[in-house]
Amino acid sequence: MIKDKLDIVLITYNRKEYLKSTLDEVFSADSPVKDFDITVLDNSSTDGSSELIQEYCDRYSNLKHIVNPKNIGGCANIAKALVEIPSKKYVWVLCDNDNYDWTVWNEIEKAISEDYDVIMTRQCDNNVSQIFYESAFLPACIYKTNVITETVAENIYNNIKMLFPHLALSAKNINDNNSFYIPSKSIVLVGKNPNQNESYTRGHNKDDLPESRQNIFWSVGYFSSLEYIKDKKIRNEIINGTRHYHKTLFDLFRTIVIKNTLYFNNYFPNLTKIFSSLNFINKIKFIFAYLSIKLSFKDYSFYDIRTKDEWSKYFKKVKEQQYINKLSKKYSGKKVLLYGAGELSQAILEGSDLSGLNIIGISDLKFEKNSISGFNNLKTIKPSEINKYDFDVILFSMLTYEKPLNVLRKNGVNQQYESLVCKTLKYPIRK
């Protein structure tokens, strides 16, 4: 049986609310892993998570609860979950804040039966760049435990300081040309990650940490982890294919420079770590990206907006209400459908007057799965049912809408569209 071949380890620290949601999904009636052996590796939580886990242990005999004597840090907890906990042929490490779609789990079980070395739980293109990039997302891979030799275990522990201990394991599988299985659809869906920049050092006194640890962020850890890829050609292929929500590698380099400036006080070692991982051509791109930011007179304080409060500040700065008033005049007498119900949308709806627009409702992909009857006093409409409604224009209350627009076009939705978000060159935002 597959459950006799797979250890599932769920790592957690002080995320009781998210953890409860995750446990409910894992043990839901339609969960194919609800009877598997599952270990929760609790990093000495202090918010009641331990008590919550014990409640679930009392209900499910296959759930085991291990509490670390001290908070050893998120990355060290990942390393422990990979190296010290598993006793079976495969190990799958989960986080405490993600969601799941079990639709194609049968593919995962088939891949385990067929003895693949790595079974991915995220759908991606079958190339080394996308595989390595997706592997940075911890639950994206189910690994064979026999690959975790003493040397690989050491590499996993060594890469704790670079945020991605698990990438040392992914690199080993790539170096050895091991087999990867990619499902037709993603099983694990990335959840909300509050305090993203501090997610690996939560609970620690940052003043006691070295500067390199205080100031590290995703890109620094990711590019530095490429040292575990032995073949320089493969390493360059991975770098050339890395986008991380950007259209080009050059755009990603620009964001790295901006983020390092805004949040990490121009901590230059961050840039040198990334720079040293690049080949000659990409080093030139990085230099030009650096100069394009440093010689610019733009205010980049809103470039990396993530939260509703940050969006609210941005909209005040760019006078979003004046922009909405112009849209109201432009589409006077027109029926408007809003598309997008994230934090950006909430910031607009809660902080602006949209009464000048004749809004028939709001649509978002999340309404397909969750039957929400209303969103900020607006009627919710499933994207698959948009054609049932009479409207003249779509206003996208989201920053980038190329993908949903393409889907809507394919489904025969051909109405006029425009952004509900006021954009300005003076205060750039990441697209």
Protein backbone atom coordinates (compact mmCIF):
# COMPACT_ATOMS: atom_id res chain seq x y z
CA MET A 1 0.00 0.00 0.00
CA ILE A 2 1.13 3.54 -0.79
CA LYS A 3 0.65 4.71 2.80
CA ASP A 4 3.29 2.19 3.86
CA LYS A 5 5.78 3.90 1.54
CA LEU A 6 5.18 7.56 2.38
CA ASP A 7 5.95 9.57 5.52
CA ILE A 8 4.17 12.92 5.74
CA VAL A 9 5.72 15.56 8.00
CA LEU A 10 3.92 18.83 8.69
CA ILE A 11 6.13 21.59 10.09
CA THR A 12 4.61 24.41 12.11
CA TYR A 13 5.33 27.30 14.42
CA ASN A 14 2.82 29.77 15.89
CA ARG A 15 0.24 29.65 13.12
CA LYS A 16 -2.67 28.13 14.98
CA GLU A 17 -5.35 29.58 12.68
CA TYR A 18 -3.64 28.45 9.48
CA LEU A 19 -2.64 25.13 11.01
CA LYS A 20 -6.23 24.29 11.89
CA SER A 21 -7.29 24.92 8.30
CA THR A 22 -4.45 22.73 7.01
CA LEU A 23 -5.27 19.87 9.38
CA ASP A 24 -8.93 20.09 8.41
CA GLU A 25 -7.98 19.73 4.74
CA VAL A 26 -5.55 16.88 5.36
CA PHE A 27 -8.15 14.97 7.40
CA SER A 28 -11.18 15.92 5.32
CA ALA A 29 -13.50 13.19 4.03
CA ASP A 30 -12.16 13.55 0.48
CA SER A 31 -8.48 13.63 1.51
CA PRO A 32 -6.62 10.61 0.10
CA VAL A 33 -3.92 10.92 2.80
CA LYS A 34 -6.17 11.08 5.85
CA ASP A 35 -5.15 7.52 6.84
CA PHE A 36 -1.41 7.99 6.16
CA ASP A 37 1.15 8.30 8.96
CA ILE A 38 1.48 12.02 9.58
CA THR A 39 3.90 13.70 11.97
CA VAL A 40 3.50 17.31 13.05
CA LEU A 41 6.90 18.76 13.87
CA ASP A 42 6.05 21.64 16.19
CA ASN A 43 8.85 24.17 16.54
CA SER A 44 8.02 24.90 20.20
CA SER A 45 4.90 26.98 19.44
CA THR A 46 3.58 29.33 22.12
CA ASP A 47 0.23 30.36 20.62
CA GLY A 48 -1.85 27.29 21.48
CA SER A 49 -0.81 25.33 18.38
CA SER A 50 0.49 22.47 20.51
CA GLU A 51 -2.84 22.11 22.29
CA LEU A 52 -4.65 22.22 18.95
CA ILE A 53 -2.41 19.49 17.53
CA GLN A 54 -3.07 17.32 20.57
CA GLU A 55 -6.83 17.65 19.99
CA TYR A 56 -6.34 16.25 16.48
CA CYS A 57 -4.04 13.51 17.81
CA ASP A 58 -6.85 12.43 20.13
CA ARG A 59 -9.16 12.16 17.12
CA TYR A 60 -6.75 10.56 14.64
CA SER A 61 -4.52 7.71 15.79
CA ASN A 62 -2.27 8.05 12.70
CA LEU A 63 -1.25 11.58 13.71
CA LYS A 64 1.95 11.96 15.72
CA HIS A 65 3.03 15.13 17.52
CA ILE A 66 6.71 15.99 18.08
CA VAL A 67 7.60 19.23 19.87
CA ASN A 68 11.11 20.64 19.57
CA PRO A 69 12.54 21.62 22.97
CA LYS A 70 13.33 25.05 21.50
CA ASN A 71 12.41 27.03 18.42
CA ILE A 72 15.27 26.01 16.15
CA GLY A 73 14.14 28.24 13.27
CA GLY A 74 11.98 27.40 10.28
CA CYS A 75 14.83 26.24 8.05
CA ALA A 76 16.32 23.99 10.72
CA ASN A 77 12.87 22.50 11.21
CA ILE A 78 12.73 21.74 7.48
CA ALA A 79 16.12 20.03 7.69
CA LYS A 80 15.01 17.99 10.69
CA ALA A 81 11.82 16.96 8.90
CA LEU A 82 13.81 15.69 5.91
CA VAL A 83 16.74 14.05 7.68
CA GLU A 84 15.63 12.88 11.14
CA ILE A 85 11.93 12.02 10.95
CA PRO A 86 11.34 9.78 7.88
CA SER A 87 11.52 5.99 8.18
CA LYS A 88 9.82 5.02 4.91
CA LYS A 89 10.77 4.99 1.25
CA TYR A 90 9.44 8.51 0.56
CA VAL A 91 9.00 11.70 2.55
CA TRP A 92 6.68 14.63 1.91
CA VAL A 93 7.14 17.76 4.05
CA LEU A 94 4.13 20.06 4.29
CA CYS A 95 3.80 23.63 5.55
CA ASP A 96 1.11 24.91 7.91
CA ASN A 97 -0.48 27.51 5.64
CA ASP A 98 -1.21 25.93 2.24
CA ASN A 99 -4.29 24.53 0.51
CA TYR A 100 -4.85 21.31 -1.41
CA ASP A 101 -6.59 20.07 -4.52
CA TRP A 102 -6.69 16.26 -4.38
CA THR A 103 -8.14 15.84 -7.90
CA VAL A 104 -5.13 14.08 -9.44
CA TRP A 105 -3.73 12.36 -6.33
CA ASN A 106 -4.06 9.06 -8.19
CA GLU A 107 -1.20 10.27 -10.41
CA ILE A 108 1.00 10.74 -7.34
CA GLU A 109 0.28 7.22 -6.09
CA LYS A 110 0.99 5.81 -9.55
CA ALA A 111 4.33 7.66 -9.66
CA ILE A 112 5.26 6.24 -6.24
CA SER A 113 4.34 2.75 -7.46
CA GLU A 114 6.51 3.30 -10.54
CA ASP A 115 9.50 4.15 -8.33
CA TYR A 116 10.18 7.75 -9.43
CA ASP A 117 12.95 9.41 -7.45
CA VAL A 118 11.09 12.71 -7.04
CA ILE A 119 7.34 13.13 -7.36
CA MET A 120 6.33 16.73 -7.76
CA THR A 121 3.02 17.94 -6.38
CA ARG A 122 3.12 21.13 -8.44
CA GLN A 123 2.41 21.21 -12.17
CA CYS A 124 5.17 22.89 -14.17
CA ASP A 125 7.02 22.74 -17.47
CA ASN A 126 9.30 19.74 -17.81
CA ASN A 127 12.62 21.56 -17.80
CA VAL A 128 15.33 21.85 -15.19
CA SER A 129 14.75 25.55 -14.56
CA GLN A 130 11.06 25.16 -13.72
CA ILE A 131 11.65 21.98 -11.73
CA PHE A 132 14.31 23.62 -9.56
CA TYR A 133 12.23 26.77 -9.15
CA GLU A 134 9.13 24.87 -8.06
CA SER A 135 11.30 22.79 -5.71
CA ALA A 136 11.98 25.95 -3.72
CA PHE A 137 8.36 25.65 -2.57
CA LEU A 138 8.87 23.03 0.14
CA PRO A 139 5.71 20.88 -0.33
CA ALA A 140 6.25 20.77 -4.11
CA CYS A 141 8.30 17.56 -3.94
CA ILE A 142 7.97 14.09 -2.51
CA TYR A 143 11.49 12.71 -2.16
CA LYS A 144 12.99 9.25 -1.97
CA THR A 145 14.71 9.02 1.39
CA ASN A 146 17.58 6.84 0.18
CA VAL A 147 18.92 9.88 -1.72
CA ILE A 148 19.50 11.59 1.62
CA THR A 149 22.98 10.22 2.26
CA GLU A 150 25.28 11.54 4.97
CA THR A 151 26.77 14.04 2.53
CA VAL A 152 23.37 15.21 1.30
CA ALA A 153 22.21 15.53 4.91
CA GLU A 154 25.22 17.75 5.62
CA ASN A 155 24.39 19.88 2.58
CA ILE A 156 20.80 20.18 3.77
CA TYR A 157 21.94 21.40 7.16
CA ASN A 158 24.56 23.71 5.64
CA ASN A 159 21.94 25.39 3.46
CA ILE A 160 19.78 26.34 6.44
CA LYS A 161 21.52 29.73 6.37
CA MET A 162 20.34 30.22 2.76
CA LEU A 163 16.65 29.64 3.55
CA PHE A 164 16.33 26.57 1.32
CA PRO A 165 17.81 23.44 2.94
CA HIS A 166 15.57 21.33 0.69
CA LEU A 167 17.16 22.75 -2.48
CA ALA A 168 20.35 20.87 -1.61
CA LEU A 169 18.26 17.69 -1.94
CA SER A 170 16.67 18.84 -5.21
CA ALA A 171 20.11 19.67 -6.55
CA LYS A 172 21.37 16.18 -5.69
CA ASN A 173 18.54 14.64 -7.70
CA ILE A 174 19.28 16.94 -10.64
CA ASN A 175 23.03 16.25 -10.44
CA ASP A 176 22.41 12.50 -10.54
CA ASN A 177 19.91 12.84 -13.40
CA ASN A 178 17.26 11.16 -11.26
CA SER A 179 13.69 10.76 -12.45
CA PHE A 180 11.10 13.47 -11.75
CA TYR A 181 7.36 12.99 -12.12
CA ILE A 182 5.24 16.07 -12.89
CA PRO A 183 1.46 15.84 -12.34
CA SER A 184 -1.10 17.18 -14.79
CA LYS A 185 -2.44 19.49 -12.09
CA SER A 186 -1.04 20.98 -8.89
CA ILE A 187 -1.91 19.19 -5.65
CA VAL A 188 -0.57 21.84 -3.28
CA LEU A 189 -1.75 25.42 -3.71
CA VAL A 190 0.40 28.16 -2.23
CA GLY A 191 -1.31 29.65 0.81
CA LYS A 192 -1.11 33.04 2.44
CA ASN A 193 2.27 33.78 4.00
CA PRO A 194 2.15 36.68 6.48
CA ASN A 195 5.47 38.29 7.39
CA GLN A 196 7.12 36.56 4.45
CA ASN A 197 10.56 38.10 4.96
CA GLU A 198 10.69 36.87 8.55
CA SER A 199 8.97 33.54 8.09
CA TYR A 200 12.16 31.56 8.73
CA THR A 201 13.28 33.48 11.83
CA ARG A 202 9.95 33.95 13.58
CA GLY A 203 10.23 33.97 17.35
CA HIS A 204 13.91 34.85 17.42
CA ASN A 205 15.57 38.01 18.62
CA LYS A 206 16.82 39.36 15.31
CA ASP A 207 19.42 41.51 17.08
CA ASP A 208 21.20 38.29 18.07
CA LEU A 209 21.36 37.10 14.48
CA PRO A 210 24.27 38.06 12.19
CA GLU A 211 23.60 40.74 9.57
CA SER A 212 23.64 38.20 6.76
CA ARG A 213 20.79 36.32 8.42
CA GLN A 214 18.81 39.42 9.32
CA ASN A 215 18.97 40.78 5.79
CA ILE A 216 18.57 37.68 3.63
CA PHE A 217 15.51 37.31 1.40
CA TRP A 218 14.13 34.86 -1.16
CA SER A 219 16.31 35.77 -4.15
CA VAL A 220 19.54 35.73 -2.16
CA GLY A 221 18.85 32.27 -0.77
CA TYR A 222 17.63 30.89 -4.10
CA PHE A 223 20.56 32.06 -6.22
CA SER A 224 23.08 31.10 -3.52
CA SER A 225 21.56 27.59 -3.36
CA LEU A 226 22.58 27.06 -6.97
CA GLU A 227 26.09 26.27 -5.77
CA TYR A 228 24.81 22.72 -5.15
CA ILE A 229 24.22 22.30 -8.91
CA LYS A 230 27.51 20.86 -10.16
CA ASP A 231 27.15 21.41 -13.91
CA LYS A 232 27.66 25.10 -14.79
CA LYS A 233 25.58 24.75 -17.95
CA ILE A 234 22.63 23.41 -15.95
CA ARG A 235 23.16 26.14 -13.36
CA ASN A 236 23.04 28.81 -16.07
CA GLU A 237 19.98 27.17 -17.62
CA ILE A 238 18.20 27.40 -14.27
CA ILE A 239 19.16 31.06 -13.83
CA ASN A 240 18.18 32.00 -17.39
CA GLY A 241 14.76 30.46 -16.85
CA THR A 242 14.13 32.04 -13.44
CA ARG A 243 11.40 34.67 -13.45
CA HIS A 244 9.76 34.58 -9.98
CA TYR A 245 6.62 36.46 -11.08
CA HIS A 246 8.53 38.65 -13.55
CA LYS A 247 8.44 38.71 -17.34
CA THR A 248 12.21 38.77 -17.75
CA LEU A 249 15.32 37.96 -15.72
CA PHE A 250 16.34 41.62 -16.05
CA ASP A 251 13.06 42.68 -14.39
CA LEU A 252 13.75 40.24 -11.56
CA PHE A 253 17.23 41.74 -11.11
CA ARG A 254 15.64 45.20 -10.86
CA THR A 255 13.25 44.00 -8.16
CA ILE A 256 16.14 42.45 -6.25
CA VAL A 257 17.98 45.79 -6.23
CA ILE A 258 14.83 47.69 -5.22
CA LYS A 259 13.93 45.26 -2.45
CA ASN A 260 17.45 45.25 -1.10
CA THR A 261 17.31 49.05 -1.02
CA LEU A 262 13.87 49.42 0.51
CA TYR A 263 13.87 46.68 3.12
CA PHE A 264 17.50 45.79 3.80
CA ASN A 265 19.23 49.17 3.88
CA ASN A 266 21.32 48.52 0.75
CA TYR A 267 22.98 45.49 2.33
CA PHE A 268 25.61 44.98 -0.33
CA PRO A 269 26.60 41.37 0.53
CA ASN A 270 23.13 40.33 -0.66
CA LEU A 271 23.93 41.64 -4.13
CA THR A 272 27.42 40.15 -4.21
CA LYS A 273 26.06 36.70 -3.34
CA ILE A 274 23.65 36.82 -6.25
CA PHE A 275 26.22 38.41 -8.57
CA SER A 276 28.77 35.66 -7.87
CA SER A 277 26.30 32.98 -9.00
CA LEU A 278 25.88 34.53 -12.47
CA ASN A 279 27.73 33.95 -15.71
CA PHE A 280 29.35 36.85 -17.59
CA ILE A 281 26.28 37.85 -19.64
CA ASN A 282 23.97 37.81 -16.65
CA LYS A 283 26.48 39.76 -14.59
CA ILE A 284 26.27 42.50 -17.24
CA LYS A 285 22.45 42.38 -17.03
CA PHE A 286 22.67 42.64 -13.25
CA ILE A 287 24.98 45.66 -13.42
CA PHE A 288 22.62 47.45 -15.83
CA ALA A 289 19.64 46.57 -13.62
CA TYR A 290 21.48 48.00 -10.61
CA LEU A 291 22.37 51.22 -12.46
CA SER A 292 18.85 51.62 -13.86
CA ILE A 293 17.50 51.76 -10.32
CA LYS A 294 20.24 53.73 -8.64
CA LEU A 295 20.26 56.41 -11.35
CA SER A 296 16.48 56.70 -11.41
CA PHE A 297 14.54 59.52 -9.77
CA LYS A 298 11.46 57.38 -9.16
CA ASP A 299 9.98 56.64 -5.74
CA TYR A 300 10.05 52.84 -5.45
CA SER A 301 8.49 52.71 -1.98
CA PHE A 302 5.38 51.01 -3.40
CA TYR A 303 7.14 48.61 -5.74
CA ASP A 304 6.71 45.45 -3.67
CA ILE A 305 3.22 45.92 -2.24
CA ARG A 306 1.79 42.84 -0.51
CA THR A 307 -0.81 43.79 2.08
CA LYS A 308 -4.13 45.61 2.06
CA ASP A 309 -2.76 48.39 4.27
CA GLU A 310 0.13 48.95 1.86
CA TRP A 311 -2.32 49.14 -1.04
CA SER A 312 -4.45 51.65 0.88
CA LYS A 313 -1.41 53.89 1.37
CA TYR A 314 -0.55 53.60 -2.31
CA PHE A 315 -4.07 54.52 -3.42
CA LYS A 316 -4.02 57.64 -1.27
CA LYS A 317 -0.66 58.60 -2.73
CA VAL A 318 -1.77 58.23 -6.37
CA LYS A 319 -5.26 59.71 -5.74
CA GLU A 320 -7.12 56.56 -6.72
CA GLN A 321 -10.50 58.24 -6.12
CA GLN A 322 -9.84 60.81 -8.85
CA TYR A 323 -9.01 57.96 -11.24
CA ILE A 324 -12.23 56.14 -10.29
CA ASN A 325 -14.21 59.33 -10.88
CA LYS A 326 -12.76 59.50 -14.41
CA LEU A 327 -13.76 55.89 -15.00
CA SER A 328 -17.26 56.69 -13.73
CA LYS A 329 -17.61 59.44 -16.33
CA LYS A 330 -16.11 57.28 -19.06
CA TYR A 331 -18.49 54.41 -18.41
CA SER A 332 -21.56 56.41 -17.45
CA GLY A 333 -24.64 54.37 -18.28
CA LYS A 334 -22.57 51.20 -18.75
CA LYS A 335 -22.94 48.03 -16.72
CA VAL A 336 -19.64 47.16 -15.02
CA LEU A 337 -18.27 43.82 -13.81
CA LEU A 338 -15.36 43.91 -11.37
CA TYR A 339 -12.83 41.09 -11.59
CA GLY A 340 -10.44 40.34 -8.73
CA ALA A 341 -11.21 39.92 -5.03
CA GLY A 342 -7.82 39.96 -3.34
CA GLU A 343 -6.36 42.40 -0.83
CA LEU A 344 -5.81 44.99 -3.56
CA SER A 345 -9.51 44.83 -4.42
CA GLN A 346 -10.52 45.06 -0.76
CA ALA A 347 -8.36 48.17 -0.32
CA ILE A 348 -10.17 49.86 -3.22
CA LEU A 349 -13.64 48.77 -2.18
CA GLU A 350 -13.16 49.78 1.46
CA GLY A 351 -11.34 53.05 0.81
CA SER A 352 -12.99 54.44 -2.33
CA ASP A 353 -16.39 55.63 -3.50
CA LEU A 354 -17.49 53.48 -6.44
CA SER A 355 -21.10 54.68 -6.43
CA GLY A 356 -20.55 56.40 -9.78
CA LEU A 357 -20.07 53.01 -11.42
CA ASN A 358 -23.00 50.76 -12.22
CA ILE A 359 -21.48 47.58 -10.80
CA ILE A 360 -23.44 44.35 -11.38
CA GLY A 361 -21.09 42.19 -9.31
CA ILE A 362 -17.55 40.96 -8.74
CA SER A 363 -15.89 37.83 -10.10
CA ASP A 364 -12.84 35.91 -8.93
CA LEU A 365 -11.47 32.41 -9.37
CA LYS A 366 -11.81 31.74 -5.64
CA PHE A 367 -15.58 31.99 -5.99
CA GLU A 368 -15.52 28.80 -8.09
CA LYS A 369 -14.43 26.71 -5.11
CA ASN A 370 -16.07 28.64 -2.29
CA SER A 371 -19.72 29.59 -2.60
CA ILE A 372 -19.50 33.12 -1.23
CA SER A 373 -22.78 34.98 -1.63
CA GLY A 374 -21.33 38.47 -1.21
CA PHE A 375 -18.03 40.32 -1.23
CA ASN A 376 -17.97 43.84 0.23
CA ASN A 377 -21.73 44.10 -0.41
CA LEU A 378 -21.30 43.11 -4.07
CA LYS A 379 -22.85 40.10 -5.75
CA THR A 380 -20.24 37.38 -6.37
CA ILE A 381 -20.08 35.76 -9.80
CA LYS A 382 -18.17 32.62 -10.70
CA PRO A 383 -15.84 33.15 -13.71
CA SER A 384 -17.42 30.10 -15.38
CA GLU A 385 -20.83 31.80 -15.18
CA ILE A 386 -19.88 35.30 -16.37
CA ASN A 387 -21.55 34.77 -19.75
CA LYS A 388 -24.91 34.45 -17.99
CA TYR A 389 -24.81 38.13 -17.00
CA ASP A 390 -25.47 41.30 -18.96
CA PHE A 391 -22.63 43.83 -18.70
CA ASP A 392 -20.60 46.16 -20.94
CA VAL A 393 -17.12 46.43 -19.42
CA ILE A 394 -14.79 44.55 -17.07
CA LEU A 395 -12.73 46.55 -14.60
CA PHE A 396 -9.88 44.44 -13.23
CA SER A 397 -9.30 45.13 -9.54
CA MET A 398 -5.98 43.28 -9.63
CA LEU A 399 -2.49 44.28 -10.68
CA THR A 400 -1.86 41.80 -13.48
CA TYR A 401 -4.76 40.26 -15.33
CA GLU A 402 -3.27 38.76 -18.49
CA LYS A 403 -4.01 35.16 -17.48
CA PRO A 404 -7.64 35.60 -16.38
CA LEU A 405 -8.28 37.81 -19.41
CA ASN A 406 -6.96 35.11 -21.75
CA VAL A 407 -9.20 32.52 -20.07
CA LEU A 408 -12.22 34.81 -20.32
CA ARG A 409 -11.51 35.45 -24.00
CA LYS A 410 -11.28 31.73 -24.69
CA ASN A 411 -14.65 31.30 -22.97
CA GLY A 412 -16.25 33.89 -25.22
CA VAL A 413 -16.18 36.91 -22.90
CA ASN A 414 -15.30 39.72 -25.31
CA GLN A 415 -16.46 42.86 -23.50
CA GLN A 416 -14.28 45.93 -23.16
CA TYR A 417 -11.86 45.89 -20.24
CA GLU A 418 -9.68 48.26 -18.24
CA SER A 419 -7.74 48.40 -14.99
CA LEU A 420 -9.44 49.70 -11.85
CA VAL A 421 -5.96 50.38 -10.45
CA CYS A 422 -4.40 53.80 -10.98
CA LYS A 423 -0.80 53.37 -12.08
CA THR A 424 1.92 55.99 -12.27
CA LEU A 425 5.57 56.10 -13.29
CA LYS A 426 6.37 58.29 -10.29
CA TYR A 427 5.39 55.53 -7.84
CA PRO A 428 6.15 52.27 -9.70
CA ILE A 429 4.54 49.02 -8.64
CA ARG A 430 5.68 45.55 -9.63
CA LYS A 431 3.69 44.17 -12.54
